[in-house]
Amino acid sequence: MNDNSLLRHFDGRWRELKAAIAELKHDVNRVARQERAELAASVPVYAALVDRPAAGQLGRLCAVTATGKLYFDTGSVWKEVSLL
């Protein structure tokens, strides 16, 4: 194999790999968008703190638009989630 044919072979493989990587990135982004949408749909949103249901189901999340905060049900109380 001479230098030109080796270069053409490498260039062809490189282009194939770049296309495969681009396709993988697209697939990963699509799955990530879907997972974010599913998560967002699973977190109920309430206008005010008083609109939340009573605590008592460990693990529930809810968002409150009046405070702009996320709350976690500990099983006995709603606790504000600290992201920092």
Protein backbone atom coordinates (compact mmCIF):
# COMPACT_ATOMS: atom_id res chain seq x y z
CA MET A 1 0.00 0.00 0.00
CA ASN A 2 1.55 3.32 -1.00
CA ASP A 3 1.25 6.61 0.89
CA ASN A 4 -1.64 7.94 -1.24
CA SER A 5 -3.78 4.83 -0.87
CA LEU A 6 -3.04 4.72 2.87
CA LEU A 7 -4.08 8.37 3.18
CA ARG A 8 -7.30 7.75 1.20
CA HIS A 9 -8.08 4.71 3.35
CA PHE A 10 -7.47 6.66 6.56
CA ASP A 11 -9.54 9.61 5.30
CA GLY A 12 -12.43 7.31 4.37
CA ARG A 13 -12.40 5.59 7.77
CA TRP A 14 -12.10 8.96 9.54
CA ARG A 15 -15.18 10.28 7.73
CA GLU A 16 -17.12 7.11 8.62
CA LEU A 17 -16.15 7.44 12.27
CA LYS A 18 -17.07 11.14 12.36
CA ALA A 19 -20.50 10.31 10.92
CA ALA A 20 -20.99 7.52 13.48
CA ILE A 21 -19.99 9.85 16.33
CA ALA A 22 -22.39 12.54 15.09
CA GLU A 23 -25.19 9.97 14.99
CA LEU A 24 -24.38 8.82 18.53
CA LYS A 25 -24.40 12.42 19.79
CA HIS A 26 -27.80 12.93 18.18
CA ASP A 27 -29.14 9.75 19.82
CA VAL A 28 -27.76 10.72 23.25
CA ASN A 29 -29.30 14.19 23.00
CA ARG A 30 -32.66 12.74 21.96
CA VAL A 31 -32.69 10.32 24.90
CA ALA A 32 -31.62 13.07 27.32
CA ARG A 33 -34.44 15.34 26.12
CA GLN A 34 -36.93 12.51 26.54
CA GLU A 35 -35.67 11.70 30.06
CA ARG A 36 -35.86 15.37 31.08
CA ALA A 37 -39.42 15.60 29.75
CA GLU A 38 -40.42 12.43 31.59
CA LEU A 39 -38.91 13.74 34.83
CA ALA A 40 -40.57 17.13 34.43
CA ALA A 41 -43.92 15.47 33.79
CA SER A 42 -43.52 13.37 36.94
CA VAL A 43 -43.03 16.36 39.29
CA PRO A 44 -46.36 18.00 40.18
CA VAL A 45 -46.42 21.80 40.20
CA TYR A 46 -48.50 23.80 42.70
CA ALA A 47 -49.16 27.53 42.76
CA ALA A 48 -48.62 27.98 46.51
CA LEU A 49 -47.29 26.04 49.48
CA VAL A 50 -50.82 25.59 50.86
CA ASP A 51 -51.85 23.82 47.65
CA ARG A 52 -49.51 20.88 48.28
CA PRO A 53 -51.02 17.62 49.50
CA ALA A 54 -50.25 16.55 53.05
CA ALA A 55 -46.86 14.95 53.56
CA GLY A 56 -46.81 11.23 54.15
CA GLN A 57 -45.48 9.51 51.04
CA LEU A 58 -41.70 9.27 51.28
CA GLY A 59 -39.88 10.27 48.12
CA ARG A 60 -42.44 12.51 46.43
CA LEU A 61 -41.27 15.75 44.86
CA CYS A 62 -43.25 18.87 44.11
CA ALA A 63 -42.47 22.29 42.71
CA VAL A 64 -44.13 25.45 44.01
CA THR A 65 -44.34 28.36 41.58
CA ALA A 66 -44.92 31.01 44.27
CA THR A 67 -41.55 30.24 45.87
CA GLY A 68 -39.79 28.87 42.80
CA LYS A 69 -38.55 25.99 44.93
CA LEU A 70 -38.58 22.22 44.93
CA TYR A 71 -39.81 20.24 47.93
CA PHE A 72 -39.23 16.63 49.03
CA ASP A 73 -41.68 14.54 51.07
CA THR A 74 -39.73 12.91 53.92
CA GLY A 75 -42.71 10.79 54.87
CA SER A 76 -43.69 13.16 57.65
CA VAL A 77 -42.99 16.70 56.36
CA TRP A 78 -42.28 18.53 53.13
CA LYS A 79 -38.65 19.66 53.15
CA GLU A 80 -37.19 22.27 50.81
CA VAL A 81 -34.57 20.80 48.48
CA SER A 82 -31.26 22.63 48.63
CA LEU A 83 -29.37 22.36 45.37
CA LEU A 84 -26.21 24.00 46.68
